[in-house]
Amino acid sequence: MDGSESLTICETRADDEYDDTKPEAGERTVSLARTTLAVLRTWRTHQKEEWLSADPDVWVDSGRVFTQEDGSALRPEWISRRFDVLIDRYNTIRRRHLDKGRPVERIARRHRVSRRTVHVAIEGGPLPPIRFHDLRHGAATLSLLGKVDMKVVSVTLGHLRSSLTADIYASVLPEVAKAAAEAVAAVVPLRCDGHPMATPGTKNAPAEIISLGGGADSGGGSGI
């Protein structure tokens, strides 16, 4: 991560039958946000400290960003199960405090977490019962709603074709199209009565006449 603002993905592994990454497009480089870079650099510093304090005969140099305590690679199925456990624990902490009135200190001891962790769960909203793989789809959906170009989203996901991305996230596209229409309308100047301003050469003709061109001298063309 030194001096880099991107991440190169050299290998992908399907974690379920719904994985849509194609091997041919699996190797790709994606840009990272500043906040993500800060988290990864902090984690790398922590990982180096673990490596320096570990027994050289025990530490496994797997080259992975996230590893087990001895440096060996994490199993994909363990990551998915661990994610499920964390989601369940978060929601359980919220229920025990908000529904059952359990004190923060008691909950922290019960789940072996800090009081700060309990407060984060209590003050935050409930988390949906999603899988680890669903984070990928969530990121793609947020990107499209954030007006990121379909081609960029497709490359980030590792799809071979943008059409595949469009098919998978078809339910998001109407909202994207609506946002695009509103954006175009926002840059069209309006008169005080709400009609679009006439452009030079139209002699202030009403917008509907300009756009449809239905006058006698127009030949009946649509003007579109």
Protein backbone atom coordinates (compact mmCIF):
# COMPACT_ATOMS: atom_id res chain seq x y z
CA MET A 1 0.00 0.00 0.00
CA ASP A 2 3.01 2.32 0.14
CA GLY A 3 2.40 5.27 -2.19
CA SER A 4 -0.47 3.45 -3.90
CA GLU A 5 -4.12 4.46 -4.08
CA SER A 6 -5.33 1.30 -5.78
CA LEU A 7 -5.57 -2.42 -5.17
CA THR A 8 -4.72 -5.10 -7.72
CA ILE A 9 -6.86 -8.23 -7.50
CA CYS A 10 -4.93 -11.17 -8.90
CA GLU A 11 -7.15 -14.03 -7.77
CA THR A 12 -10.82 -14.45 -6.97
CA ARG A 13 -12.59 -17.38 -5.41
CA ALA A 14 -16.31 -17.95 -5.66
CA ASP A 15 -17.83 -18.22 -2.20
CA ASP A 16 -21.18 -19.50 -3.44
CA GLU A 17 -23.05 -20.55 -6.55
CA TYR A 18 -24.16 -16.97 -7.24
CA ASP A 19 -20.68 -15.60 -7.79
CA ASP A 20 -20.66 -13.68 -11.08
CA THR A 21 -16.93 -12.94 -11.47
CA LYS A 22 -15.43 -14.43 -14.59
CA PRO A 23 -11.88 -15.87 -14.37
CA GLU A 24 -10.83 -14.08 -17.55
CA ALA A 25 -11.71 -10.70 -16.03
CA GLY A 26 -10.79 -11.59 -12.47
CA GLU A 27 -7.41 -9.82 -12.46
CA ARG A 28 -8.05 -6.11 -12.24
CA THR A 29 -7.04 -2.92 -10.45
CA VAL A 30 -9.58 -0.94 -8.42
CA SER A 31 -9.18 2.51 -6.88
CA LEU A 32 -9.54 2.94 -3.13
CA ALA A 33 -11.06 5.78 -1.13
CA ARG A 34 -8.87 7.71 1.31
CA THR A 35 -10.72 6.28 4.30
CA THR A 36 -10.18 2.73 3.04
CA LEU A 37 -6.49 3.43 2.46
CA ALA A 38 -6.13 4.74 6.01
CA VAL A 39 -7.70 1.58 7.45
CA LEU A 40 -5.53 -0.73 5.33
CA ARG A 41 -2.32 1.13 6.21
CA THR A 42 -3.16 1.01 9.90
CA TRP A 43 -3.81 -2.70 9.62
CA ARG A 44 -0.54 -3.24 7.75
CA THR A 45 1.36 -1.53 10.57
CA HIS A 46 -0.35 -3.82 13.09
CA GLN A 47 0.44 -6.85 10.94
CA LYS A 48 4.14 -5.92 10.78
CA GLU A 49 4.20 -5.64 14.57
CA GLU A 50 2.74 -9.14 14.85
CA TRP A 51 5.31 -10.45 12.38
CA LEU A 52 8.24 -8.90 14.27
CA SER A 53 7.05 -10.26 17.62
CA ALA A 54 6.29 -13.75 16.32
CA ASP A 55 8.58 -16.76 16.44
CA PRO A 56 10.26 -17.03 13.00
CA ASP A 57 9.69 -20.79 13.09
CA VAL A 58 5.95 -20.29 13.60
CA TRP A 59 5.09 -17.30 11.40
CA VAL A 60 3.79 -18.14 7.92
CA ASP A 61 4.56 -15.56 5.25
CA SER A 62 1.41 -16.05 3.16
CA GLY A 63 1.58 -12.58 1.59
CA ARG A 64 -2.11 -12.02 2.44
CA VAL A 65 -3.50 -8.77 3.81
CA PHE A 66 -5.78 -10.47 6.35
CA THR A 67 -4.46 -13.62 7.98
CA GLN A 68 -4.69 -15.88 10.98
CA GLU A 69 -2.58 -15.11 14.05
CA ASP A 70 0.37 -17.06 12.64
CA GLY A 71 0.24 -15.26 9.27
CA SER A 72 -1.36 -18.14 7.38
CA ALA A 73 -4.21 -17.53 4.94
CA LEU A 74 -7.80 -17.39 6.11
CA ARG A 75 -10.19 -19.96 4.73
CA PRO A 76 -12.98 -18.34 2.66
CA GLU A 77 -15.66 -20.36 4.45
CA TRP A 78 -14.33 -19.17 7.83
CA ILE A 79 -14.64 -15.54 6.72
CA SER A 80 -18.27 -16.07 5.72
CA ARG A 81 -19.11 -17.81 8.99
CA ARG A 82 -17.30 -15.17 11.05
CA PHE A 83 -19.24 -12.43 9.27
CA ASP A 84 -22.52 -14.16 10.14
CA VAL A 85 -21.46 -14.43 13.78
CA LEU A 86 -20.61 -10.72 13.98
CA ILE A 87 -23.94 -9.67 12.43
CA ASP A 88 -25.82 -11.90 14.87
CA ARG A 89 -23.81 -10.66 17.87
CA TYR A 90 -24.42 -7.02 16.94
CA ASN A 91 -28.19 -7.49 16.73
CA THR A 92 -28.25 -9.62 19.89
CA ILE A 93 -26.48 -6.88 21.85
CA ARG A 94 -29.06 -4.36 20.66
CA ARG A 95 -31.98 -6.61 21.66
CA ARG A 96 -30.59 -7.36 25.10
CA HIS A 97 -30.26 -3.69 25.90
CA LEU A 98 -33.19 -2.11 24.05
CA ASP A 99 -35.77 -4.89 24.52
CA LYS A 100 -34.69 -6.53 27.77
CA GLY A 101 -33.09 -3.56 29.50
CA ARG A 102 -29.78 -5.30 30.25
CA PRO A 103 -27.05 -2.88 31.46
CA VAL A 104 -24.08 -2.15 29.19
CA GLU A 105 -21.53 -3.59 31.63
CA ARG A 106 -23.37 -6.92 31.86
CA ILE A 107 -23.72 -7.21 28.09
CA ALA A 108 -20.01 -6.45 27.60
CA ARG A 109 -19.04 -9.24 30.02
CA ARG A 110 -21.51 -11.67 28.46
CA HIS A 111 -20.17 -11.20 24.93
CA ARG A 112 -16.56 -10.51 25.94
CA VAL A 113 -16.45 -7.17 24.17
CA SER A 114 -15.64 -3.64 25.29
CA ARG A 115 -18.27 -1.23 26.55
CA ARG A 116 -17.50 0.96 23.54
CA THR A 117 -18.48 -1.93 21.24
CA VAL A 118 -21.79 -2.28 23.10
CA HIS A 119 -22.48 1.45 22.77
CA VAL A 120 -21.76 1.30 19.01
CA ALA A 121 -24.36 -1.45 18.61
CA ILE A 122 -26.91 0.33 20.79
CA GLU A 123 -26.54 3.72 19.11
CA GLY A 124 -26.40 2.32 15.59
CA GLY A 125 -29.31 0.95 13.60
CA PRO A 126 -30.15 -2.75 13.22
CA LEU A 127 -28.15 -4.67 10.62
CA PRO A 128 -29.95 -6.73 7.96
CA PRO A 129 -29.35 -10.51 7.79
CA ILE A 130 -26.97 -10.38 4.84
CA ARG A 131 -24.14 -12.69 3.82
CA PHE A 132 -20.53 -11.65 3.40
CA HIS A 133 -20.87 -11.99 -0.39
CA ASP A 134 -23.79 -9.55 -0.33
CA LEU A 135 -21.35 -6.74 0.50
CA ARG A 136 -20.15 -6.98 -3.10
CA HIS A 137 -23.67 -6.46 -4.42
CA GLY A 138 -24.26 -3.68 -1.93
CA ALA A 139 -21.15 -1.85 -3.09
CA ALA A 140 -22.22 -2.17 -6.74
CA THR A 141 -25.71 -0.89 -5.95
CA LEU A 142 -24.37 2.11 -4.04
CA SER A 143 -21.95 2.86 -6.90
CA LEU A 144 -24.76 2.94 -9.44
CA LEU A 145 -26.95 5.07 -7.20
CA GLY A 146 -23.93 7.34 -6.76
CA LYS A 147 -23.92 7.85 -10.56
CA VAL A 148 -20.74 5.87 -11.17
CA ASP A 149 -20.52 4.90 -14.85
CA MET A 150 -21.76 1.38 -15.62
CA LYS A 151 -18.47 0.49 -17.33
CA VAL A 152 -16.47 1.46 -14.23
CA VAL A 153 -18.75 -0.63 -12.00
CA SER A 154 -18.46 -3.56 -14.40
CA VAL A 155 -14.64 -3.44 -14.41
CA THR A 156 -14.55 -3.14 -10.62
CA LEU A 157 -16.72 -6.23 -10.27
CA GLY A 158 -14.63 -8.18 -12.77
CA HIS A 159 -17.43 -8.71 -15.27
CA LEU A 160 -16.52 -9.47 -18.86
CA ARG A 161 -19.29 -7.24 -20.25
CA SER A 162 -21.12 -4.18 -19.01
CA SER A 163 -24.34 -5.79 -20.23
CA LEU A 164 -23.94 -8.49 -17.57
CA THR A 165 -23.69 -5.82 -14.88
CA ALA A 166 -26.78 -4.08 -16.27
CA ASP A 167 -28.74 -7.34 -16.25
CA ILE A 168 -27.80 -8.19 -12.64
CA TYR A 169 -28.58 -4.72 -11.30
CA ALA A 170 -31.58 -3.99 -13.51
CA SER A 171 -33.68 -3.12 -10.45
CA VAL A 172 -31.36 -0.20 -9.68
CA LEU A 173 -31.33 1.25 -13.19
CA PRO A 174 -34.78 2.98 -13.03
CA GLU A 175 -33.59 4.99 -10.02
CA VAL A 176 -30.37 5.84 -11.85
CA ALA A 177 -32.34 6.91 -14.94
CA LYS A 178 -34.66 9.03 -12.79
CA ALA A 179 -31.68 10.74 -11.15
CA ALA A 180 -30.18 11.40 -14.59
CA ALA A 181 -33.43 12.94 -15.83
CA GLU A 182 -33.62 15.20 -12.78
CA ALA A 183 -30.00 16.23 -13.29
CA VAL A 184 -30.69 17.25 -16.89
CA ALA A 185 -33.82 19.16 -15.87
CA ALA A 186 -31.85 21.00 -13.20
CA VAL A 187 -29.57 22.65 -15.77
CA VAL A 188 -32.41 23.85 -18.05
CA PRO A 189 -33.22 27.50 -17.18
CA LEU A 190 -36.90 28.11 -16.38
CA ARG A 191 -39.07 31.21 -16.72
CA CYS A 192 -40.92 32.42 -13.67
CA ASP A 193 -44.05 30.59 -14.94
CA GLY A 194 -42.20 27.27 -14.99
CA HIS A 195 -41.74 26.96 -18.77
CA PRO A 196 -38.26 26.50 -20.28
CA MET A 197 -36.62 29.70 -21.48
CA ALA A 198 -36.77 30.21 -25.24
CA THR A 199 -33.44 30.08 -27.03
CA PRO A 200 -32.16 32.80 -29.41
CA GLY A 201 -34.04 32.78 -32.71
CA THR A 202 -37.27 31.31 -31.37
CA LYS A 203 -38.91 34.72 -30.75
CA ASN A 204 -40.03 33.58 -27.32
CA ALA A 205 -42.31 30.91 -28.79
CA PRO A 206 -43.83 28.51 -26.26
CA ALA A 207 -41.70 25.47 -25.55
CA GLU A 208 -44.32 23.01 -26.78
CA ILE A 209 -44.38 24.69 -30.21
CA ILE A 210 -40.61 24.74 -30.43
CA SER A 211 -40.23 21.09 -29.53
CA LEU A 212 -43.11 19.67 -31.59
CA GLY A 213 -42.81 21.97 -34.62
CA GLY A 214 -46.49 21.52 -35.53
CA GLY A 215 -47.05 24.88 -37.27
CA ALA A 216 -48.38 25.29 -40.81
CA ASP A 217 -45.00 26.39 -42.10
CA SER A 218 -43.15 23.53 -40.46
CA GLY A 219 -44.43 20.81 -42.71
CA GLY A 220 -45.92 18.97 -39.77
CA GLY A 221 -42.59 17.56 -38.64
CA SER A 222 -42.09 16.53 -35.08
CA GLY A 223 -38.92 18.58 -34.59
CA ILE A 224 -37.46 15.74 -32.54
